Amino acid sequence: VQLVESGGGLVQAGGSLRLSCAASGIMFSIYAMGWYRQAPGKERELVAQITSGGTTNIADSVKGRFTISRDNAKNTVYLQMNSLKPEDTAVYYCNAHLVVAGSTYDYWGQGTQVTVSS
């Protein structure tokens, strides 16, 4: 299983970035896909998640600014980040999550750095 993130970088406050996560080795369409982030000295937190059916859950801290979407034909999940703030600076991780027959499957990408300058 591989989750490969891309699209991170350095951007000024108010700018935009789009993160992508390409998955391989899993039946992508049945997994819930999520984006988490971890800033220095802080715990990893959920940013956004999209279920296999397309239902989304967005953290309050980014609601109205970030959008999560998925393309099952490309085995890819996206995080569109607009109106970025310095407090959005973190390493962003892609997650694939599945619960089936009482077993939980969680896979993580290697992370991509997002830095927002003021």
C-alpha atoms as a PDB file:
ATOM      1  CA  VAL A   1       0.000   0.000   0.000  1.00  0.00           C
ATOM      2  CA  GLN A   2       1.287   3.426  -0.927  1.00  0.00           C
ATOM      3  CA  LEU A   3      -0.167   6.856  -0.337  1.00  0.00           C
ATOM      4  CA  VAL A   4       1.869   9.552  -2.044  1.00  0.00           C
ATOM      5  CA  GLU A   5       1.138  13.181  -1.247  1.00  0.00           C
ATOM      6  CA  SER A   6       2.114  16.109  -3.413  1.00  0.00           C
ATOM      7  CA  GLY A   7       1.365  19.800  -3.761  1.00  0.00           C
ATOM      8  CA  GLY A   8       2.791  21.185  -0.561  1.00  0.00           C
ATOM      9  CA  GLY A   9       5.075  24.188  -0.464  1.00  0.00           C
ATOM     10  CA  LEU A  10       5.553  27.747   0.661  1.00  0.00           C
ATOM     11  CA  VAL A  11       2.756  30.248   0.110  1.00  0.00           C
ATOM     12  CA  GLN A  12       1.898  33.703   1.416  1.00  0.00           C
ATOM     13  CA  ALA A  13      -1.043  34.252   3.706  1.00  0.00           C
ATOM     14  CA  GLY A  14      -4.235  34.499   1.686  1.00  0.00           C
ATOM     15  CA  GLY A  15      -2.908  32.218  -0.998  1.00  0.00           C
ATOM     16  CA  SER A  16      -4.025  28.777  -2.139  1.00  0.00           C
ATOM     17  CA  LEU A  17      -2.593  25.311  -2.522  1.00  0.00           C
ATOM     18  CA  ARG A  18      -4.035  22.022  -3.687  1.00  0.00           C
ATOM     19  CA  LEU A  19      -2.736  18.850  -2.140  1.00  0.00           C
ATOM     20  CA  SER A  20      -3.072  15.516  -3.920  1.00  0.00           C
ATOM     21  CA  CYS A  21      -2.759  12.004  -2.562  1.00  0.00           C
ATOM     22  CA  ALA A  22      -2.423   9.126  -4.995  1.00  0.00           C
ATOM     23  CA  ALA A  23      -3.186   5.707  -3.552  1.00  0.00           C
ATOM     24  CA  SER A  24      -2.099   2.300  -4.764  1.00  0.00           C
ATOM     25  CA  GLY A  25      -2.426  -1.193  -3.383  1.00  0.00           C
ATOM     26  CA  ILE A  26      -5.910  -0.699  -1.941  1.00  0.00           C
ATOM     27  CA  MET A  27      -9.449  -0.802  -3.287  1.00  0.00           C
ATOM     28  CA  PHE A  28      -9.549   2.966  -3.148  1.00  0.00           C
ATOM     29  CA  SER A  29     -13.266   3.447  -3.708  1.00  0.00           C
ATOM     30  CA  ILE A  30     -14.310   1.648  -0.520  1.00  0.00           C
ATOM     31  CA  TYR A  31     -11.984   3.582   1.780  1.00  0.00           C
ATOM     32  CA  ALA A  32     -12.743   6.763   3.628  1.00  0.00           C
ATOM     33  CA  MET A  33      -9.951   9.187   2.785  1.00  0.00           C
ATOM     34  CA  GLY A  34      -8.729  11.951   5.021  1.00  0.00           C
ATOM     35  CA  TRP A  35      -6.222  14.703   5.467  1.00  0.00           C
ATOM     36  CA  TYR A  36      -4.565  15.279   8.809  1.00  0.00           C
ATOM     37  CA  ARG A  37      -1.966  17.809   9.820  1.00  0.00           C
ATOM     38  CA  GLN A  38       0.649  18.131  12.508  1.00  0.00           C
ATOM     39  CA  ALA A  39       2.297  21.377  13.458  1.00  0.00           C
ATOM     40  CA  PRO A  40       5.533  21.466  15.497  1.00  0.00           C
ATOM     41  CA  GLY A  41       4.855  20.668  19.137  1.00  0.00           C
ATOM     42  CA  LYS A  42       1.223  19.804  18.481  1.00  0.00           C
ATOM     43  CA  GLU A  43      -0.742  16.603  18.059  1.00  0.00           C
ATOM     44  CA  ARG A  44      -1.881  15.376  14.691  1.00  0.00           C
ATOM     45  CA  GLU A  45      -5.397  16.605  13.947  1.00  0.00           C
ATOM     46  CA  LEU A  46      -8.052  15.804  11.411  1.00  0.00           C
ATOM     47  CA  VAL A  47      -8.475  18.462   8.751  1.00  0.00           C
ATOM     48  CA  ALA A  48     -11.000  16.857   6.433  1.00  0.00           C
ATOM     49  CA  GLN A  49     -12.409  13.479   5.557  1.00  0.00           C
ATOM     50  CA  ILE A  50     -14.505  12.107   2.725  1.00  0.00           C
ATOM     51  CA  THR A  51     -16.328   8.806   2.938  1.00  0.00           C
ATOM     52  CA  SER A  52     -16.607   6.212   0.205  1.00  0.00           C
ATOM     53  CA  GLY A  53     -20.043   7.642  -0.521  1.00  0.00           C
ATOM     54  CA  GLY A  54     -18.746  11.197  -0.826  1.00  0.00           C
ATOM     55  CA  THR A  55     -19.890  12.611   2.491  1.00  0.00           C
ATOM     56  CA  THR A  56     -17.419  15.142   3.829  1.00  0.00           C
ATOM     57  CA  ASN A  57     -16.415  16.207   7.305  1.00  0.00           C
ATOM     58  CA  ILE A  58     -14.400  19.417   7.625  1.00  0.00           C
ATOM     59  CA  ALA A  59     -12.716  20.667  10.779  1.00  0.00           C
ATOM     60  CA  ASP A  60     -14.175  23.888  12.146  1.00  0.00           C
ATOM     61  CA  SER A  61     -10.777  25.580  11.929  1.00  0.00           C
ATOM     62  CA  VAL A  62     -10.724  25.285   8.133  1.00  0.00           C
ATOM     63  CA  LYS A  63     -14.422  25.197   7.290  1.00  0.00           C
ATOM     64  CA  GLY A  64     -15.255  27.570   4.464  1.00  0.00           C
ATOM     65  CA  ARG A  65     -11.607  27.659   3.334  1.00  0.00           C
ATOM     66  CA  PHE A  66     -10.687  24.025   2.631  1.00  0.00           C
ATOM     67  CA  THR A  67     -12.479  21.512   0.422  1.00  0.00           C
ATOM     68  CA  ILE A  68     -11.866  17.786   0.157  1.00  0.00           C
ATOM     69  CA  SER A  69     -12.748  15.767  -2.934  1.00  0.00           C
ATOM     70  CA  ARG A  70     -11.930  12.428  -4.463  1.00  0.00           C
ATOM     71  CA  ASP A  71     -11.577  10.916  -7.925  1.00  0.00           C
ATOM     72  CA  ASN A  72     -12.092   7.182  -7.682  1.00  0.00           C
ATOM     73  CA  ALA A  73     -11.086   6.685 -11.309  1.00  0.00           C
ATOM     74  CA  LYS A  74      -7.665   8.136 -10.466  1.00  0.00           C
ATOM     75  CA  ASN A  75      -7.401   6.686  -6.956  1.00  0.00           C
ATOM     76  CA  THR A  76      -6.693  10.198  -5.759  1.00  0.00           C
ATOM     77  CA  VAL A  77      -7.970  12.465  -3.007  1.00  0.00           C
ATOM     78  CA  TYR A  78      -7.508  16.216  -3.051  1.00  0.00           C
ATOM     79  CA  LEU A  79      -7.440  18.988  -0.496  1.00  0.00           C
ATOM     80  CA  GLN A  80      -8.075  22.442  -1.905  1.00  0.00           C
ATOM     81  CA  MET A  81      -6.825  25.041   0.546  1.00  0.00           C
ATOM     82  CA  ASN A  82      -7.838  28.662   0.053  1.00  0.00           C
ATOM     83  CA  SER A  83      -7.327  31.782   2.158  1.00  0.00           C
ATOM     84  CA  LEU A  84      -4.400  30.151   3.881  1.00  0.00           C
ATOM     85  CA  LYS A  85      -3.266  31.458   7.251  1.00  0.00           C
ATOM     86  CA  PRO A  86       0.077  31.138   9.040  1.00  0.00           C
ATOM     87  CA  GLU A  87      -1.603  28.831  11.545  1.00  0.00           C
ATOM     88  CA  ASP A  88      -2.226  26.369   8.707  1.00  0.00           C
ATOM     89  CA  THR A  89       1.511  25.711   8.611  1.00  0.00           C
ATOM     90  CA  ALA A  90       2.057  22.017   9.264  1.00  0.00           C
ATOM     91  CA  VAL A  91       2.962  18.685   7.731  1.00  0.00           C
ATOM     92  CA  TYR A  92      -0.149  17.370   5.995  1.00  0.00           C
ATOM     93  CA  TYR A  93      -0.738  13.627   5.922  1.00  0.00           C
ATOM     94  CA  CYS A  94      -3.052  11.579   3.754  1.00  0.00           C
ATOM     95  CA  ASN A  95      -4.979   8.753   5.425  1.00  0.00           C
ATOM     96  CA  ALA A  96      -6.949   5.809   4.103  1.00  0.00           C
ATOM     97  CA  HIS A  97      -9.389   4.298   6.601  1.00  0.00           C
ATOM     98  CA  LEU A  98     -11.624   1.244   6.423  1.00  0.00           C
ATOM     99  CA  VAL A  99     -13.595  -0.697   8.993  1.00  0.00           C
ATOM    100  CA  VAL A 100     -14.876  -4.056   7.800  1.00  0.00           C
ATOM    101  CA  ALA A 101     -15.909  -7.219   9.638  1.00  0.00           C
ATOM    102  CA  GLY A 102     -14.671  -5.805  12.910  1.00  0.00           C
ATOM    103  CA  SER A 103     -11.191  -5.013  11.611  1.00  0.00           C
ATOM    104  CA  THR A 104      -9.784  -1.551  11.113  1.00  0.00           C
ATOM    105  CA  TYR A 105      -7.358  -0.676   8.342  1.00  0.00           C
ATOM    106  CA  ASP A 106      -5.423   2.582   8.439  1.00  0.00           C
ATOM    107  CA  TYR A 107      -2.728   3.639   6.003  1.00  0.00           C
ATOM    108  CA  TRP A 108      -0.700   6.852   5.979  1.00  0.00           C
ATOM    109  CA  GLY A 109       1.325   8.814   3.506  1.00  0.00           C
ATOM    110  CA  GLN A 110       4.743  10.245   4.246  1.00  0.00           C
ATOM    111  CA  GLY A 111       3.468  13.781   4.618  1.00  0.00           C
ATOM    112  CA  THR A 112       3.942  17.000   2.714  1.00  0.00           C
ATOM    113  CA  GLN A 113       5.029  20.297   4.248  1.00  0.00           C
ATOM    114  CA  VAL A 114       2.802  23.341   3.945  1.00  0.00           C
ATOM    115  CA  THR A 115       4.272  26.628   5.099  1.00  0.00           C
ATOM    116  CA  VAL A 116       2.238  29.820   5.115  1.00  0.00           C
ATOM    117  CA  SER A 117       4.178  33.042   5.562  1.00  0.00           C
ATOM    118  CA  SER A 118       2.629  36.159   7.041  1.00  0.00           C
END
